[in-house]
Amino acid sequence: MSILIDADTTFIVQGITGREAVNLTRECLDYGAGAKVVGGVTPGRLGRDVHGVPVFDTVAQAVAAHGAPIYGSVVTVPPAFTKDAVFEAVENGVQLIVIVTERIPRRDVAEMVELASLRGARIIGPNCLGIIVPDVIKMGGIGGPAKNAAQAYTPGSIGVISRSGGMTTEMSSTLSAAGLGQSTAVSIGGDAIIGSSYAELMPLFEADEQTQGIVIYTEPGGRMEAELARWVTDNKSRLPIVAFMAGRFMDEMPGMSFGHAGTIVEGKEDTASEKIARLAQAGITVAERIEDIPGMIRSKIAERSAS
C-alpha cells in the first residue's frame, strides 16, 4: 500500500512544455512501471506532445480527451499564473495537486488552499518536489532522474515527510542504505503557507498498514511541529516518529532567517529548541545527525512492537 498515489494514479502536467516540466515528465515516465501521465497543458500548444504525452490548451480538454476524471496534476507554471492553473485544475475535478513552483505570493497560496478545501481536493506544496512510492510511481521531480531515484528510494515500511525536497531524498537514501525502505515519501514544501502539513498527512499514514514508522525533516519557523505534536497526542498515534531538526544554530542568531521562506521565526515557540521540546513531550524523538535516524526509528518500532 501507499498514500496519495499508486500504480493506477493518472495525472497531468500543467506547463508541460517548459524546460523543467519536459525533464520532470521524462523522469516520471521512466520511473518504476512508468507514471500514467495522460496529458499536459500549455495554452496555445494544443496538438503537440512531450515524450509522447499529448498537450492541450486547457485542463477541460485534457479531461475530455482522457474520457474519465483525472486524479492529479503537477503544476510547473510561473508564479504569476499558478493560481489560475490550480483553480482550473480544481474546477475540473482534479483531486491531488502537486505545486512545484516557488515564489508564489502568499495570498495566492491561501486562496488556492481554500478553494481546494472547499472542493475536497488536496494540495502538496508549493515549492516542493512531489511524492514518490518506491519502485512504483513518482509524481513530481522528487529523486531526480529515474535511475537516481531508484538508488535513493527502496520499498519498505517507513513514511517520510520533509519540508525540504533535497532532504526528502537524503533521508530516504540514508534509510535505504540501512535496509529500511519507504512506504511513501512526500516533499511538502518549505514555504510559510503550504497545502498539506505533517499533521494533515498523518491520518493517511496512520491508515496505511504498510507504514510502521515516520521520519520527518523540519526547520525553525512556523507552527507545524506544534500541530503535529497535538495530533499525535490527541489521536494516540500507533506510529513511532523520528524527526531531524535543521537550523539549531538559528536560536543563537535571533532575527535572522535562513533557507526556506517558512524558516521565519516570529516568536519563541518557533525556535528550534522550543520545537524539539514540544516534539519530545509528544514522544517524538529528535535526531542530532541524519545518520542516527535509521537506528533510532528501528529501535522505536521494536519498542512499539514489544509493548
Protein backbone atom coordinates (compact mmCIF):
# COMPACT_ATOMS: atom_id res chain seq x y z
CA MET A 1 0.00 0.00 0.00
CA SER A 2 0.92 3.68 -0.06
CA ILE A 3 -0.65 7.07 0.49
CA LEU A 4 -1.88 9.67 -2.01
CA ILE A 5 -0.75 7.86 -5.18
CA ASP A 6 -0.31 4.33 -6.52
CA ALA A 7 0.36 2.48 -9.77
CA ASP A 8 -3.07 3.41 -11.15
CA THR A 9 -2.85 7.15 -10.47
CA THR A 10 -3.47 9.31 -13.54
CA PHE A 11 -2.17 12.86 -13.70
CA ILE A 12 -1.40 15.75 -16.00
CA VAL A 13 1.46 18.24 -16.06
CA GLN A 14 0.42 21.88 -16.28
CA GLY A 15 3.06 23.95 -18.03
CA ILE A 16 4.40 20.77 -19.64
CA THR A 17 6.28 22.47 -22.49
CA GLY A 18 8.58 24.39 -20.14
CA ARG A 19 12.17 23.14 -19.87
CA GLU A 20 11.83 21.97 -16.26
CA ALA A 21 8.50 20.31 -16.97
CA VAL A 22 9.84 18.47 -20.01
CA ASN A 23 12.56 16.92 -17.85
CA LEU A 24 10.15 16.22 -14.99
CA THR A 25 7.75 14.45 -17.35
CA ARG A 26 10.54 12.24 -18.69
CA GLU A 27 11.63 11.34 -15.15
CA CYS A 28 8.09 10.34 -14.15
CA LEU A 29 7.55 8.27 -17.28
CA ASP A 30 10.84 6.44 -16.75
CA TYR A 31 10.40 5.64 -13.07
CA GLY A 32 9.01 2.33 -11.82
CA ALA A 33 6.46 0.89 -14.22
CA GLY A 34 6.03 4.37 -15.70
CA ALA A 35 3.63 7.00 -14.42
CA LYS A 36 0.27 7.38 -16.16
CA VAL A 37 0.81 10.93 -17.40
CA VAL A 38 -2.31 11.24 -19.52
CA GLY A 39 -1.82 14.78 -20.76
CA GLY A 40 -0.12 18.10 -20.47
CA VAL A 41 -1.50 21.64 -20.54
CA THR A 42 0.10 24.71 -22.07
CA PRO A 43 -2.22 27.33 -23.59
CA GLY A 44 -1.57 27.74 -27.30
CA ARG A 45 0.22 24.40 -27.68
CA LEU A 46 -2.74 22.14 -28.49
CA GLY A 47 -1.75 19.23 -30.71
CA ARG A 48 1.86 18.98 -29.66
CA ASP A 49 3.32 16.24 -27.49
CA VAL A 50 6.07 15.92 -24.89
CA HIS A 51 7.70 12.48 -24.79
CA GLY A 52 4.51 11.08 -26.30
CA VAL A 53 2.23 12.87 -23.84
CA PRO A 54 -0.44 14.89 -25.70
CA VAL A 55 -0.58 18.62 -24.99
CA PHE A 56 -3.83 20.56 -24.60
CA ASP A 57 -4.76 24.21 -24.21
CA THR A 58 -6.89 23.61 -21.12
CA VAL A 59 -7.44 21.09 -18.34
CA ALA A 60 -11.01 20.63 -19.58
CA GLN A 61 -9.67 19.47 -22.97
CA ALA A 62 -7.33 17.01 -21.25
CA VAL A 63 -10.17 15.55 -19.18
CA ALA A 64 -12.42 15.27 -22.23
CA ALA A 65 -9.72 13.55 -24.27
CA HIS A 66 -8.99 11.13 -21.43
CA GLY A 67 -12.66 10.26 -21.21
CA ALA A 68 -12.63 9.94 -17.43
CA PRO A 69 -11.73 12.02 -14.37
CA ILE A 70 -8.03 12.77 -13.96
CA TYR A 71 -6.85 12.34 -10.40
CA GLY A 72 -3.77 14.55 -10.19
CA SER A 73 -1.81 17.42 -11.63
CA VAL A 74 1.79 18.58 -11.32
CA VAL A 75 1.82 22.37 -11.64
CA THR A 76 5.03 23.88 -13.03
CA VAL A 77 3.76 27.20 -14.43
CA PRO A 78 5.36 30.56 -13.46
CA PRO A 79 4.31 32.12 -10.12
CA ALA A 80 2.08 34.78 -11.69
CA PHE A 81 -0.08 32.11 -13.35
CA THR A 82 -0.04 29.38 -10.71
CA LYS A 83 -3.27 30.38 -9.01
CA ASP A 84 -5.18 30.33 -12.31
CA ALA A 85 -3.71 26.92 -13.17
CA VAL A 86 -4.63 25.44 -9.80
CA PHE A 87 -8.14 26.92 -9.89
CA GLU A 88 -8.61 25.43 -13.38
CA ALA A 89 -7.46 22.00 -12.20
CA VAL A 90 -9.67 22.02 -9.11
CA GLU A 91 -12.74 23.18 -11.02
CA ASN A 92 -12.22 20.32 -13.48
CA GLY A 93 -12.27 17.66 -10.79
CA VAL A 94 -8.55 17.14 -10.13
CA GLN A 95 -8.19 15.81 -6.58
CA LEU A 96 -4.44 15.99 -5.93
CA ILE A 97 -2.33 18.96 -7.00
CA VAL A 98 1.44 18.98 -6.59
CA ILE A 99 2.77 22.54 -6.96
CA VAL A 100 6.43 22.62 -7.90
CA THR A 101 6.51 26.39 -8.49
CA GLU A 102 8.20 28.58 -5.89
CA ARG A 103 7.93 32.31 -5.02
CA ILE A 104 4.14 32.32 -5.31
CA PRO A 105 2.52 35.27 -3.47
CA ARG A 106 1.17 34.17 -0.09
CA ARG A 107 -2.29 35.49 -0.81
CA ASP A 108 -2.48 33.37 -3.95
CA VAL A 109 -1.40 30.29 -1.99
CA ALA A 110 -4.01 30.94 0.70
CA GLU A 111 -6.74 31.26 -1.95
CA MET A 112 -5.63 28.06 -3.70
CA VAL A 113 -5.63 26.10 -0.44
CA GLU A 114 -9.05 27.46 0.49
CA LEU A 115 -10.60 26.52 -2.86
CA ALA A 116 -9.06 23.05 -2.74
CA SER A 117 -10.51 22.54 0.72
CA LEU A 118 -13.96 23.64 -0.42
CA ARG A 119 -13.83 21.21 -3.36
CA GLY A 120 -12.43 18.26 -1.40
CA ALA A 121 -9.08 18.39 -3.19
CA ARG A 122 -5.58 18.29 -1.68
CA ILE A 123 -2.56 20.45 -2.46
CA ILE A 124 1.03 19.34 -1.88
CA GLY A 125 3.41 22.30 -1.94
CA PRO A 126 4.05 24.86 -3.28
CA ASN A 127 7.82 24.92 -3.63
CA CYS A 128 8.03 21.13 -3.32
CA LEU A 129 9.39 18.20 -5.31
CA GLY A 130 6.35 15.96 -5.01
CA ILE A 131 5.58 12.39 -3.96
CA ILE A 132 7.19 9.01 -4.54
CA VAL A 133 6.14 5.42 -3.89
CA PRO A 134 9.39 3.49 -4.26
CA ASP A 135 9.66 1.28 -7.36
CA VAL A 136 6.07 2.15 -8.29
CA ILE A 137 5.44 5.79 -9.23
CA LYS A 138 6.66 9.29 -8.68
CA MET A 139 4.68 12.47 -9.16
CA GLY A 140 7.00 15.45 -9.48
CA GLY A 141 10.74 15.90 -9.66
CA ILE A 142 11.44 14.09 -6.39
CA GLY A 143 14.58 11.97 -6.56
CA GLY A 144 15.65 13.42 -9.89
CA PRO A 145 16.21 11.14 -12.91
CA ALA A 146 14.65 7.70 -12.61
CA LYS A 147 17.98 5.88 -12.14
CA ASN A 148 18.94 8.20 -9.27
CA ALA A 149 15.52 7.88 -7.64
CA ALA A 150 15.80 4.09 -7.87
CA GLN A 151 19.09 4.22 -5.96
CA ALA A 152 17.82 6.50 -3.18
CA TYR A 153 14.33 5.10 -2.62
CA THR A 154 13.50 1.48 -1.82
CA PRO A 155 10.18 -0.16 -0.90
CA GLY A 156 9.54 -0.60 2.80
CA SER A 157 7.60 0.49 5.85
CA ILE A 158 8.87 3.98 6.72
CA GLY A 159 6.87 7.05 5.75
CA VAL A 160 8.94 10.16 5.04
CA ILE A 161 7.69 13.76 5.22
CA SER A 162 10.02 16.70 4.62
CA ARG A 163 9.86 20.47 4.21
CA SER A 164 13.00 20.24 2.08
CA GLY A 165 12.87 18.50 -1.28
CA GLY A 166 16.55 17.59 -1.24
CA MET A 167 16.39 16.30 2.32
CA THR A 168 13.47 14.04 1.40
CA THR A 169 15.90 12.16 -0.81
CA GLU A 170 18.82 12.44 1.62
CA MET A 171 16.86 10.92 4.50
CA SER A 172 15.33 8.23 2.30
CA SER A 173 18.75 7.33 0.91
CA THR A 174 20.11 7.05 4.46
CA LEU A 175 17.21 4.80 5.43
CA SER A 176 17.66 2.68 2.29
CA ALA A 177 21.38 2.22 2.98
CA ALA A 178 20.44 0.88 6.42
CA GLY A 179 17.94 -1.58 4.96
CA LEU A 180 14.86 0.48 5.83
CA GLY A 181 12.69 1.12 2.78
CA GLN A 182 9.94 3.68 2.45
CA SER A 183 6.19 3.24 2.02
CA THR A 184 5.70 6.77 0.62
CA ALA A 185 7.89 9.88 0.74
CA VAL A 186 6.31 13.34 0.49
CA SER A 187 8.09 16.65 -0.07
CA ILE A 188 5.56 19.09 1.42
CA GLY A 189 7.36 22.35 0.62
CA GLY A 190 9.19 24.90 2.72
CA ASP A 191 7.02 27.98 2.29
CA ALA A 192 5.21 29.73 5.12
CA ILE A 193 1.84 28.62 3.71
CA ILE A 194 1.53 25.13 2.23
CA GLY A 195 -1.32 22.86 1.25
CA SER A 196 -0.61 19.83 3.46
CA SER A 197 1.22 19.83 6.79
CA TYR A 198 2.69 16.94 8.80
CA ALA A 199 -0.48 16.60 10.87
CA GLU A 200 -2.70 16.67 7.79
CA LEU A 201 -0.78 13.75 6.26
CA MET A 202 -0.58 11.71 9.46
CA PRO A 203 -4.12 10.23 9.20
CA LEU A 204 -3.21 8.83 5.78
CA PHE A 205 -0.05 7.17 7.07
CA GLU A 206 -1.92 6.02 10.18
CA ALA A 207 -4.45 4.20 7.99
CA ASP A 208 -1.76 2.64 5.78
CA GLU A 209 -0.99 -0.88 7.01
CA GLN A 210 2.37 -0.89 5.25
CA THR A 211 3.68 2.11 7.21
CA GLN A 212 5.23 1.19 10.57
CA GLY A 213 7.10 4.40 11.37
CA ILE A 214 7.56 8.01 10.27
CA VAL A 215 10.66 10.13 9.68
CA ILE A 216 10.31 13.88 9.25
CA TYR A 217 12.68 16.70 8.35
CA THR A 218 11.85 20.04 9.89
CA GLU A 219 13.25 23.52 10.48
CA PRO A 220 12.77 26.52 12.76
CA GLY A 221 9.85 28.77 11.87
CA GLY A 222 6.12 28.13 11.64
CA ARG A 223 3.84 26.11 13.90
CA MET A 224 3.56 22.80 12.03
CA GLU A 225 5.51 20.89 14.68
CA ALA A 226 3.14 22.03 17.42
CA GLU A 227 0.23 20.90 15.26
CA LEU A 228 1.92 17.52 14.72
CA ALA A 229 2.62 17.07 18.44
CA ARG A 230 -1.02 17.79 19.28
CA TRP A 231 -2.28 15.38 16.62
CA VAL A 232 -0.01 12.56 17.78
CA THR A 233 -1.05 13.07 21.40
CA ASP A 234 -4.77 13.57 20.79
CA ASN A 235 -5.04 10.59 18.44
CA LYS A 236 -2.69 8.26 20.34
CA SER A 237 -0.84 7.53 17.12
CA ARG A 238 0.35 3.96 16.61
CA LEU A 239 3.32 5.21 14.59
CA PRO A 240 6.71 5.95 16.15
CA ILE A 241 8.21 9.16 14.77
CA VAL A 242 11.80 10.35 14.48
CA ALA A 243 12.46 13.95 13.47
CA PHE A 244 15.60 15.69 12.24
CA MET A 245 15.66 19.38 13.18
CA ALA A 246 17.88 21.52 10.97
CA GLY A 247 18.96 25.06 11.80
CA ARG A 248 19.52 24.69 15.53
CA PHE A 249 22.15 27.44 15.30
CA MET A 250 19.40 29.95 14.49
CA ASP A 251 18.49 30.07 18.20
CA GLU A 252 21.80 31.85 18.74
CA MET A 253 21.10 34.36 15.97
CA PRO A 254 17.67 35.91 16.72
CA GLY A 255 16.13 37.94 13.93
CA MET A 256 17.96 36.07 11.16
CA SER A 257 16.23 33.86 8.59
CA PHE A 258 17.89 31.10 6.60
CA GLY A 259 16.81 28.70 3.88
CA HIS A 260 13.14 28.30 3.12
CA ALA A 261 10.57 31.06 3.41
CA GLY A 262 8.96 29.10 6.23
CA THR A 263 12.05 29.47 8.46
CA ILE A 264 10.99 32.92 9.64
CA VAL A 265 10.95 32.75 13.45
CA GLU A 266 8.19 35.02 14.69
CA GLY A 267 8.34 34.11 18.37
CA LYS A 268 9.88 31.83 20.98
CA GLU A 269 7.51 28.99 20.02
CA ASP A 270 9.02 28.92 16.52
CA THR A 271 12.62 28.33 17.64
CA ALA A 272 14.41 25.01 17.19
CA SER A 273 14.85 24.43 20.93
CA GLU A 274 11.15 25.01 21.68
CA LYS A 275 10.10 22.76 18.81
CA ILE A 276 12.42 19.97 19.97
CA ALA A 277 10.96 20.18 23.49
CA ARG A 278 7.38 20.11 22.20
CA LEU A 279 8.07 17.13 19.95
CA ALA A 280 9.74 15.28 22.80
CA GLN A 281 6.69 15.83 25.01
CA ALA A 282 4.62 14.05 22.35
CA GLY A 283 7.02 11.10 22.29
CA ILE A 284 8.71 12.16 19.05
CA THR A 285 12.46 11.56 19.14
CA VAL A 286 14.69 14.22 17.57
CA ALA A 287 17.93 13.08 15.94
CA GLU A 288 21.01 15.28 16.08
CA ARG A 289 22.54 13.69 12.99
CA ILE A 290 20.90 12.26 9.89
CA GLU A 291 22.99 9.11 10.14
CA ASP A 292 21.43 8.42 13.54
CA ILE A 293 17.91 8.24 12.11
CA PRO A 294 17.84 4.59 10.93
CA GLY A 295 18.94 3.19 14.29
CA MET A 296 16.52 5.43 16.18
CA ILE A 297 13.46 4.58 14.09
CA ARG A 298 14.33 0.87 14.13
CA SER A 299 14.56 0.95 17.94
CA LYS A 300 11.27 2.83 18.29
CA ILE A 301 9.46 0.36 16.03
CA ALA A 302 10.87 -2.54 18.07
CA GLU A 303 9.71 -0.86 21.30
CA ARG A 304 6.19 -0.39 19.93
CA SER A 305 6.06 -4.00 18.77
CA ALA A 306 7.19 -5.28 22.17
CA SER A 307 4.55 -3.24 24.01
